[in-house]
């Protein structure tokens, strides 16, 4: 191995060692704010619903162009989800959309 290549390999290994040692400090939670900690716990633990919600929107419902069948299906799905979560919501016609009208779920 040439001397130039050896220096490159050594520099790369030193960079990896420094980079991996900094990862341990990134695990420290930066705040003692209980609200921030609860938000983090909700999103970063097994309680997170982000994956299931994303799967439903992207794989099951699909594209949601305004006033399309996909848009209406997404609204109906969201309203049923809100109902299960006890979030009051209703569908109302906003008078907007490419097909002369569109419904938008509105949280009350």
N, C-alpha and C. Protein backbone atom coordinates (compact mmCIF):
# COMPACT_ATOMS: atom_id res chain seq x y z
N UNK A 1 0.85 -1.17 0.00
CA UNK A 1 0.00 0.00 0.00
C UNK A 1 0.90 1.23 0.00
N UNK A 2 0.57 2.20 -0.82
CA UNK A 2 1.39 3.40 -0.90
C UNK A 2 1.22 4.25 0.35
N UNK A 3 2.17 5.14 0.57
CA UNK A 3 2.14 6.00 1.75
C UNK A 3 0.94 6.96 1.70
N UNK A 4 0.59 7.44 0.51
CA UNK A 4 -0.56 8.34 0.36
C UNK A 4 -1.86 7.62 0.70
N UNK A 5 -1.98 6.38 0.21
CA UNK A 5 -3.18 5.60 0.49
C UNK A 5 -3.27 5.26 1.98
N UNK A 6 -2.14 4.95 2.61
CA UNK A 6 -2.12 4.65 4.05
C UNK A 6 -2.60 5.84 4.86
N UNK A 7 -2.16 7.04 4.49
CA UNK A 7 -2.60 8.26 5.20
C UNK A 7 -4.10 8.47 5.02
N UNK A 8 -4.60 8.19 3.83
CA UNK A 8 -6.03 8.35 3.57
C UNK A 8 -6.84 7.38 4.42
N UNK A 9 -6.39 6.13 4.50
CA UNK A 9 -7.09 5.13 5.30
C UNK A 9 -7.05 5.51 6.78
N UNK A 10 -5.90 5.96 7.27
CA UNK A 10 -5.77 6.36 8.67
C UNK A 10 -6.68 7.55 8.96
N UNK A 11 -6.71 8.53 8.07
CA UNK A 11 -7.57 9.70 8.26
C UNK A 11 -9.04 9.28 8.28
N UNK A 12 -9.41 8.36 7.41
CA UNK A 12 -10.79 7.86 7.38
C UNK A 12 -11.14 7.15 8.68
N UNK A 13 -10.25 6.31 9.18
CA UNK A 13 -10.50 5.59 10.42
C UNK A 13 -10.60 6.54 11.61
N UNK A 14 -9.76 7.55 11.64
CA UNK A 14 -9.83 8.55 12.72
C UNK A 14 -11.16 9.30 12.64
N UNK A 15 -11.58 9.67 11.44
CA UNK A 15 -12.86 10.36 11.26
C UNK A 15 -14.03 9.51 11.72
N UNK A 16 -14.01 8.22 11.40
CA UNK A 16 -15.06 7.32 11.84
C UNK A 16 -15.07 7.16 13.35
N UNK A 17 -13.89 7.09 13.94
CA UNK A 17 -13.80 6.95 15.40
C UNK A 17 -14.35 8.18 16.10
N UNK A 18 -14.01 9.34 15.60
CA UNK A 18 -14.52 10.59 16.19
C UNK A 18 -16.02 10.69 15.99
N UNK A 19 -16.48 10.39 14.80
CA UNK A 19 -17.92 10.46 14.51
C UNK A 19 -18.74 9.51 15.34
N UNK A 20 -18.23 8.29 15.56
CA UNK A 20 -18.99 7.32 16.35
C UNK A 20 -18.97 7.66 17.83
N UNK A 21 -17.94 8.32 18.32
CA UNK A 21 -17.91 8.68 19.73
C UNK A 21 -18.86 9.84 20.02
N UNK A 22 -19.15 10.65 19.04
CA UNK A 22 -20.08 11.78 19.23
C UNK A 22 -21.52 11.29 19.30
N UNK A 23 -21.81 10.10 18.72
CA UNK A 23 -23.16 9.57 18.73
C UNK A 23 -23.69 9.31 20.13
N UNK A 24 -22.81 8.93 21.04
CA UNK A 24 -23.23 8.64 22.40
C UNK A 24 -23.76 9.89 23.10
N UNK A 25 -23.19 11.04 22.83
CA UNK A 25 -23.68 12.26 23.47
C UNK A 25 -25.01 12.70 22.87
N UNK A 26 -25.32 12.26 21.67
CA UNK A 26 -26.59 12.64 21.04
C UNK A 26 -27.77 11.94 21.70
N UNK A 27 -27.52 10.89 22.50
CA UNK A 27 -28.58 10.17 23.16
C UNK A 27 -29.10 10.89 24.40
N UNK A 28 -28.38 11.89 24.85
CA UNK A 28 -28.80 12.66 26.02
C UNK A 28 -29.98 13.56 25.65
N UNK A 29 -31.04 13.52 26.45
CA UNK A 29 -32.21 14.35 26.16
C UNK A 29 -31.89 15.79 26.52
N UNK A 30 -32.06 16.74 25.59
CA UNK A 30 -31.57 18.11 25.78
C UNK A 30 -32.41 19.01 26.69
N UNK A 31 -33.54 18.55 27.19
CA UNK A 31 -34.38 19.43 28.00
C UNK A 31 -35.01 18.66 29.15
N UNK A 32 -35.39 19.39 30.17
CA UNK A 32 -36.12 18.80 31.29
C UNK A 32 -37.59 19.16 31.25
N UNK A 33 -38.02 19.77 30.14
CA UNK A 33 -39.41 20.18 30.00
C UNK A 33 -40.30 18.94 29.90
N UNK A 34 -41.22 18.75 30.85
CA UNK A 34 -42.03 17.53 30.84
C UNK A 34 -42.95 17.42 29.62
N UNK A 35 -43.39 18.54 29.08
CA UNK A 35 -44.26 18.50 27.90
C UNK A 35 -43.48 17.99 26.70
N UNK A 36 -42.29 18.51 26.49
CA UNK A 36 -41.44 18.06 25.38
C UNK A 36 -41.10 16.58 25.55
N UNK A 37 -40.80 16.17 26.76
CA UNK A 37 -40.47 14.77 27.00
C UNK A 37 -41.67 13.87 26.69
N UNK A 38 -42.88 14.28 27.04
CA UNK A 38 -44.07 13.47 26.74
C UNK A 38 -44.33 13.39 25.25
N UNK A 39 -44.11 14.50 24.53
CA UNK A 39 -44.28 14.49 23.07
C UNK A 39 -43.27 13.52 22.46
N UNK A 40 -42.02 13.58 22.92
CA UNK A 40 -40.98 12.69 22.41
C UNK A 40 -41.35 11.23 22.69
N UNK A 41 -41.78 10.95 23.92
CA UNK A 41 -42.15 9.58 24.27
C UNK A 41 -43.29 9.07 23.41
N UNK A 42 -44.26 9.92 23.15
CA UNK A 42 -45.41 9.51 22.33
C UNK A 42 -44.99 9.17 20.91
N UNK A 43 -44.09 9.96 20.36
CA UNK A 43 -43.68 9.75 18.97
C UNK A 43 -42.58 8.73 18.77
N UNK A 44 -41.76 8.50 19.80
CA UNK A 44 -40.59 7.65 19.62
C UNK A 44 -40.71 6.28 20.27
N UNK A 45 -41.87 5.97 20.81
CA UNK A 45 -42.06 4.66 21.44
C UNK A 45 -43.05 3.84 20.62
N UNK A 46 -43.40 2.70 21.13
CA UNK A 46 -44.35 1.83 20.43
C UNK A 46 -45.76 2.41 20.41
N UNK A 47 -46.00 3.48 21.15
CA UNK A 47 -47.33 4.10 21.15
C UNK A 47 -47.55 4.97 19.91
N UNK A 48 -46.50 5.28 19.18
CA UNK A 48 -46.62 6.15 18.01
C UNK A 48 -47.57 5.55 16.99
N UNK A 49 -48.45 6.36 16.46
CA UNK A 49 -49.39 5.93 15.44
C UNK A 49 -49.02 6.45 14.05
N UNK A 50 -47.87 7.10 13.95
CA UNK A 50 -47.46 7.71 12.68
C UNK A 50 -47.38 6.68 11.55
N UNK A 51 -46.80 5.53 11.82
CA UNK A 51 -46.67 4.50 10.78
C UNK A 51 -48.02 4.00 10.28
N UNK A 52 -48.92 3.73 11.22
CA UNK A 52 -50.25 3.23 10.83
C UNK A 52 -51.03 4.29 10.07
N UNK A 53 -50.94 5.55 10.51
CA UNK A 53 -51.65 6.63 9.82
C UNK A 53 -51.08 6.85 8.42
N UNK A 54 -49.76 6.82 8.30
CA UNK A 54 -49.13 7.00 7.00
C UNK A 54 -49.50 5.85 6.06
N UNK A 55 -49.51 4.62 6.59
CA UNK A 55 -49.88 3.47 5.76
C UNK A 55 -51.30 3.61 5.24
N UNK A 56 -52.22 4.03 6.10
CA UNK A 56 -53.61 4.17 5.67
C UNK A 56 -53.73 5.25 4.59
N UNK A 57 -53.07 6.38 4.79
CA UNK A 57 -53.19 7.47 3.82
C UNK A 57 -52.49 7.16 2.50
N UNK A 58 -51.30 6.56 2.57
CA UNK A 58 -50.53 6.35 1.35
C UNK A 58 -50.90 5.07 0.61
N UNK A 59 -51.11 3.98 1.35
CA UNK A 59 -51.34 2.69 0.70
C UNK A 59 -52.81 2.38 0.50
N UNK A 60 -53.65 2.73 1.46
CA UNK A 60 -55.06 2.37 1.37
C UNK A 60 -55.89 3.42 0.63
N UNK A 61 -55.77 4.67 1.05
CA UNK A 61 -56.59 5.73 0.45
C UNK A 61 -55.97 6.23 -0.85
N UNK A 62 -54.68 6.42 -0.86
CA UNK A 62 -53.98 6.83 -2.07
C UNK A 62 -54.09 8.32 -2.36
N UNK A 63 -53.91 8.72 -3.64
CA UNK A 63 -53.91 10.14 -4.00
C UNK A 63 -55.22 10.82 -3.61
N UNK A 64 -55.09 12.09 -3.21
CA UNK A 64 -56.26 12.81 -2.72
C UNK A 64 -56.38 14.17 -3.40
N UNK A 65 -56.60 14.18 -4.69
CA UNK A 65 -56.80 15.44 -5.38
C UNK A 65 -58.12 16.05 -4.93
N UNK A 66 -58.17 17.35 -4.82
CA UNK A 66 -59.37 18.03 -4.35
C UNK A 66 -60.58 17.64 -5.19
N UNK A 67 -61.67 17.31 -4.50
CA UNK A 67 -62.96 16.94 -5.09
C UNK A 67 -62.91 15.61 -5.83
N UNK A 68 -61.89 14.81 -5.62
CA UNK A 68 -61.82 13.49 -6.24
C UNK A 68 -62.41 12.45 -5.28
N UNK A 69 -62.59 11.23 -5.78
CA UNK A 69 -63.07 10.15 -4.92
C UNK A 69 -62.07 9.87 -3.80
N UNK A 70 -60.80 9.98 -4.11
CA UNK A 70 -59.76 9.78 -3.08
C UNK A 70 -59.84 10.83 -1.99
N UNK A 71 -60.15 12.05 -2.39
CA UNK A 71 -60.29 13.14 -1.42
C UNK A 71 -61.47 12.87 -0.50
N UNK A 72 -62.58 12.49 -1.09
CA UNK A 72 -63.77 12.19 -0.28
C UNK A 72 -63.52 11.00 0.64
N UNK A 73 -62.82 9.97 0.14
CA UNK A 73 -62.50 8.81 0.97
C UNK A 73 -61.60 9.21 2.14
N UNK A 74 -60.66 10.10 1.88
CA UNK A 74 -59.76 10.56 2.94
C UNK A 74 -60.53 11.34 3.99
N UNK A 75 -61.48 12.17 3.56
CA UNK A 75 -62.29 12.93 4.51
C UNK A 75 -63.12 11.98 5.37
N UNK A 76 -63.76 11.00 4.74
CA UNK A 76 -64.57 10.04 5.49
C UNK A 76 -63.71 9.25 6.48
N UNK A 77 -62.51 8.84 6.04
CA UNK A 77 -61.59 8.12 6.92
C UNK A 77 -61.20 9.00 8.10
N UNK A 78 -60.87 10.27 7.84
CA UNK A 78 -60.46 11.19 8.90
C UNK A 78 -61.59 11.44 9.88
N UNK A 79 -62.79 11.62 9.38
CA UNK A 79 -63.93 11.84 10.26
C UNK A 79 -64.18 10.64 11.17
N UNK A 80 -64.05 9.43 10.61
CA UNK A 80 -64.25 8.23 11.45
C UNK A 80 -63.13 8.09 12.48
N UNK A 81 -61.90 8.45 12.08
CA UNK A 81 -60.78 8.42 13.00
C UNK A 81 -60.99 9.42 14.13
N UNK A 82 -61.39 10.65 13.78
CA UNK A 82 -61.67 11.66 14.80
C UNK A 82 -62.76 11.19 15.74
N UNK A 83 -63.79 10.54 15.21
CA UNK A 83 -64.88 10.05 16.04
C UNK A 83 -64.36 9.02 17.04
N UNK A 84 -63.50 8.09 16.58
CA UNK A 84 -62.92 7.10 17.49
C UNK A 84 -62.06 7.76 18.56
N UNK A 85 -61.42 8.88 18.23
CA UNK A 85 -60.57 9.60 19.17
C UNK A 85 -61.36 10.62 20.00
N UNK A 86 -62.66 10.68 19.81
CA UNK A 86 -63.54 11.65 20.49
C UNK A 86 -63.19 13.09 20.18
N UNK A 87 -62.78 13.34 18.94
CA UNK A 87 -62.51 14.70 18.47
C UNK A 87 -63.71 15.12 17.64
N UNK A 88 -64.42 16.16 18.08
CA UNK A 88 -65.59 16.58 17.31
C UNK A 88 -65.18 17.16 15.96
N UNK A 89 -65.81 16.68 14.90
CA UNK A 89 -65.51 17.17 13.55
C UNK A 89 -66.75 16.96 12.69
N UNK A 90 -66.84 17.73 11.62
CA UNK A 90 -67.95 17.58 10.69
C UNK A 90 -67.46 17.90 9.29
N UNK A 91 -68.20 17.44 8.31
CA UNK A 91 -67.88 17.71 6.92
C UNK A 91 -68.71 18.92 6.50
N UNK A 92 -68.06 19.86 5.85
CA UNK A 92 -68.81 21.02 5.35
C UNK A 92 -68.33 21.37 3.95
N UNK A 93 -69.22 21.88 3.15
CA UNK A 93 -68.89 22.26 1.79
C UNK A 93 -68.27 23.65 1.81
N UNK A 94 -67.07 23.76 1.27
CA UNK A 94 -66.37 25.04 1.25
C UNK A 94 -66.64 25.81 -0.03
N UNK A 95 -67.25 25.16 -1.02
CA UNK A 95 -67.50 25.83 -2.30
C UNK A 95 -66.25 25.95 -3.13
N UNK A 96 -65.20 25.26 -2.77
CA UNK A 96 -63.94 25.31 -3.51
C UNK A 96 -63.64 23.93 -4.07
N UNK A 97 -62.80 23.90 -5.05
CA UNK A 97 -62.38 22.60 -5.62
C UNK A 97 -62.50 22.60 -7.11
N UNK A 98 -61.81 21.68 -7.74
CA UNK A 98 -61.76 21.65 -9.20
C UNK A 98 -63.07 21.16 -9.80
N UNK A 99 -63.91 20.49 -9.02
CA UNK A 99 -65.16 19.98 -9.57
C UNK A 99 -66.36 20.81 -9.12
N UNK A 100 -66.11 22.07 -8.79
CA UNK A 100 -67.21 22.97 -8.42
C UNK A 100 -67.59 22.92 -6.97
N UNK A 101 -66.93 22.18 -6.18
CA UNK A 101 -67.22 22.13 -4.75
C UNK A 101 -66.37 21.08 -4.11
N UNK A 102 -66.10 21.25 -2.88
CA UNK A 102 -65.30 20.28 -2.18
C UNK A 102 -65.67 20.29 -0.73
N UNK A 103 -65.51 19.17 -0.10
CA UNK A 103 -65.79 19.05 1.32
C UNK A 103 -64.49 19.08 2.08
N UNK A 104 -64.51 19.71 3.21
CA UNK A 104 -63.33 19.78 4.03
C UNK A 104 -63.69 19.41 5.46
N UNK A 105 -62.96 18.46 6.07
CA UNK A 105 -63.27 18.17 7.46
C UNK A 105 -62.82 19.34 8.33
N UNK A 106 -63.66 19.70 9.26
CA UNK A 106 -63.35 20.83 10.11
C UNK A 106 -63.45 20.41 11.56
N UNK A 107 -62.39 20.58 12.29
CA UNK A 107 -62.42 20.30 13.71
C UNK A 107 -63.16 21.42 14.43
N UNK A 108 -64.03 21.06 15.34
CA UNK A 108 -64.79 22.08 16.07
C UNK A 108 -64.28 22.15 17.49
